[in-house]
Amino acid sequence: MANIKSAKKRIRVINKKTARNIRVKNHVKEAQKAFLAAVEAGDVAGAEKAFVLVEKKLMQAGAKGTYHKNAVRRSVSRLEKKLNALKAE
């Protein structure tokens, strides 16, 4: 355990940021699962709605620094490819 006041504060701040990051990542994962479930089911309308939500959640997570911005763009691109493949069928 830290003895210095500033070190104690850093520990508190890190714990808050970690909790926020975990919460944000869980929201993203839930949205991705919903999108992938819609794609697997072949539901184009549901997949489009889910894609809008998952893209929003990913972009928000990237803006806050939970995910790297390029990783977010890569994930969105991969999900969009799946959506386009579903539409092409």
C-alpha atoms as a PDB file:
ATOM      1  CA  MET A   1       0.000   0.000   0.000  1.00  0.00           C
ATOM      2  CA  ALA A   2       1.233   3.441  -0.845  1.00  0.00           C
ATOM      3  CA  ASN A   3       2.234   5.850   1.926  1.00  0.00           C
ATOM      4  CA  ILE A   4       2.468   9.071  -0.069  1.00  0.00           C
ATOM      5  CA  LYS A   5      -0.735  11.053  -0.506  1.00  0.00           C
ATOM      6  CA  SER A   6      -0.322  11.537  -4.261  1.00  0.00           C
ATOM      7  CA  ALA A   7       0.336   7.823  -4.746  1.00  0.00           C
ATOM      8  CA  LYS A   8      -2.844   6.985  -2.829  1.00  0.00           C
ATOM      9  CA  LYS A   9      -4.773   9.356  -5.075  1.00  0.00           C
ATOM     10  CA  ARG A  10      -3.288   7.774  -8.206  1.00  0.00           C
ATOM     11  CA  ILE A  11      -4.466   4.367  -6.972  1.00  0.00           C
ATOM     12  CA  ARG A  12      -8.015   5.730  -6.494  1.00  0.00           C
ATOM     13  CA  VAL A  13      -7.999   7.362  -9.935  1.00  0.00           C
ATOM     14  CA  ILE A  14      -6.694   4.207 -11.623  1.00  0.00           C
ATOM     15  CA  ASN A  15      -9.412   2.139  -9.937  1.00  0.00           C
ATOM     16  CA  LYS A  16     -12.105   4.517 -11.220  1.00  0.00           C
ATOM     17  CA  LYS A  17     -10.692   4.460 -14.748  1.00  0.00           C
ATOM     18  CA  THR A  18     -10.400   0.676 -14.688  1.00  0.00           C
ATOM     19  CA  ALA A  19     -14.018   0.325 -13.589  1.00  0.00           C
ATOM     20  CA  ARG A  20     -15.165   2.696 -16.353  1.00  0.00           C
ATOM     21  CA  ASN A  21     -13.117   0.863 -18.985  1.00  0.00           C
ATOM     22  CA  ILE A  22     -14.544  -2.492 -17.927  1.00  0.00           C
ATOM     23  CA  ARG A  23     -18.082  -1.097 -18.089  1.00  0.00           C
ATOM     24  CA  VAL A  24     -17.499   0.409 -21.542  1.00  0.00           C
ATOM     25  CA  LYS A  25     -15.921  -2.789 -22.860  1.00  0.00           C
ATOM     26  CA  ASN A  26     -18.898  -4.808 -21.601  1.00  0.00           C
ATOM     27  CA  HIS A  27     -21.295  -2.492 -23.436  1.00  0.00           C
ATOM     28  CA  VAL A  28     -19.270  -2.908 -26.630  1.00  0.00           C
ATOM     29  CA  LYS A  29     -19.153  -6.686 -26.293  1.00  0.00           C
ATOM     30  CA  GLU A  30     -22.913  -6.879 -25.733  1.00  0.00           C
ATOM     31  CA  ALA A  31     -23.550  -4.760 -28.814  1.00  0.00           C
ATOM     32  CA  GLN A  32     -21.163  -6.873 -30.906  1.00  0.00           C
ATOM     33  CA  LYS A  33     -22.828 -10.098 -29.762  1.00  0.00           C
ATOM     34  CA  ALA A  34     -26.249  -8.720 -30.701  1.00  0.00           C
ATOM     35  CA  PHE A  35     -24.957  -7.739 -34.148  1.00  0.00           C
ATOM     36  CA  LEU A  36     -23.273 -11.094 -34.776  1.00  0.00           C
ATOM     37  CA  ALA A  37     -26.406 -12.935 -33.620  1.00  0.00           C
ATOM     38  CA  ALA A  38     -28.481 -10.949 -36.117  1.00  0.00           C
ATOM     39  CA  VAL A  39     -25.972 -11.728 -38.880  1.00  0.00           C
ATOM     40  CA  GLU A  40     -26.005 -15.434 -38.026  1.00  0.00           C
ATOM     41  CA  ALA A  41     -29.796 -15.435 -38.085  1.00  0.00           C
ATOM     42  CA  GLY A  42     -29.783 -13.720 -41.477  1.00  0.00           C
ATOM     43  CA  ASP A  43     -31.859 -10.805 -40.176  1.00  0.00           C
ATOM     44  CA  VAL A  44     -30.810  -7.876 -42.392  1.00  0.00           C
ATOM     45  CA  ALA A  45     -32.993  -5.242 -40.702  1.00  0.00           C
ATOM     46  CA  GLY A  46     -31.943  -6.339 -37.224  1.00  0.00           C
ATOM     47  CA  ALA A  47     -28.303  -6.455 -38.254  1.00  0.00           C
ATOM     48  CA  GLU A  48     -28.480  -2.920 -39.627  1.00  0.00           C
ATOM     49  CA  LYS A  49     -29.968  -1.601 -36.371  1.00  0.00           C
ATOM     50  CA  ALA A  50     -27.428  -3.523 -34.315  1.00  0.00           C
ATOM     51  CA  PHE A  51     -24.586  -2.271 -36.528  1.00  0.00           C
ATOM     52  CA  VAL A  52     -25.550   1.356 -35.892  1.00  0.00           C
ATOM     53  CA  LEU A  53     -25.479   0.702 -32.142  1.00  0.00           C
ATOM     54  CA  VAL A  54     -22.205  -1.222 -32.126  1.00  0.00           C
ATOM     55  CA  GLU A  55     -20.529   1.414 -34.303  1.00  0.00           C
ATOM     56  CA  LYS A  56     -21.686   4.138 -31.911  1.00  0.00           C
ATOM     57  CA  LYS A  57     -20.454   2.240 -28.853  1.00  0.00           C
ATOM     58  CA  LEU A  58     -17.080   1.527 -30.461  1.00  0.00           C
ATOM     59  CA  MET A  59     -16.586   5.131 -31.540  1.00  0.00           C
ATOM     60  CA  GLN A  60     -17.448   6.374 -28.068  1.00  0.00           C
ATOM     61  CA  ALA A  61     -14.998   3.918 -26.517  1.00  0.00           C
ATOM     62  CA  GLY A  62     -12.304   5.060 -28.952  1.00  0.00           C
ATOM     63  CA  ALA A  63     -12.969   8.717 -28.199  1.00  0.00           C
ATOM     64  CA  LYS A  64     -12.578   8.117 -24.467  1.00  0.00           C
ATOM     65  CA  GLY A  65      -9.369   6.151 -24.937  1.00  0.00           C
ATOM     66  CA  THR A  66     -10.686   2.763 -23.860  1.00  0.00           C
ATOM     67  CA  TYR A  67      -9.732   1.380 -27.268  1.00  0.00           C
ATOM     68  CA  HIS A  68      -7.144   2.763 -29.685  1.00  0.00           C
ATOM     69  CA  LYS A  69      -8.803   4.704 -32.493  1.00  0.00           C
ATOM     70  CA  ASN A  70      -7.256   2.557 -35.221  1.00  0.00           C
ATOM     71  CA  ALA A  71      -8.408  -0.616 -33.474  1.00  0.00           C
ATOM     72  CA  VAL A  72     -11.928   0.826 -33.397  1.00  0.00           C
ATOM     73  CA  ARG A  73     -11.817   1.645 -37.095  1.00  0.00           C
ATOM     74  CA  ARG A  74     -10.541  -1.845 -37.886  1.00  0.00           C
ATOM     75  CA  SER A  75     -13.323  -3.458 -35.853  1.00  0.00           C
ATOM     76  CA  VAL A  76     -16.008  -1.315 -37.476  1.00  0.00           C
ATOM     77  CA  SER A  77     -14.620  -2.137 -40.902  1.00  0.00           C
ATOM     78  CA  ARG A  78     -14.723  -5.874 -40.223  1.00  0.00           C
ATOM     79  CA  LEU A  79     -18.272  -5.674 -38.900  1.00  0.00           C
ATOM     80  CA  GLU A  80     -19.321  -3.607 -41.917  1.00  0.00           C
ATOM     81  CA  LYS A  81     -17.887  -6.269 -44.235  1.00  0.00           C
ATOM     82  CA  LYS A  82     -20.085  -8.862 -42.516  1.00  0.00           C
ATOM     83  CA  LEU A  83     -23.114  -6.620 -42.901  1.00  0.00           C
ATOM     84  CA  ASN A  84     -22.400  -6.010 -46.593  1.00  0.00           C
ATOM     85  CA  ALA A  85     -21.917  -9.739 -47.185  1.00  0.00           C
ATOM     86  CA  LEU A  86     -25.283 -10.370 -45.529  1.00  0.00           C
ATOM     87  CA  LYS A  87     -26.962  -7.760 -47.721  1.00  0.00           C
ATOM     88  CA  ALA A  88     -25.394  -9.260 -50.866  1.00  0.00           C
ATOM     89  CA  GLU A  89     -26.925 -12.680 -50.189  1.00  0.00           C
END
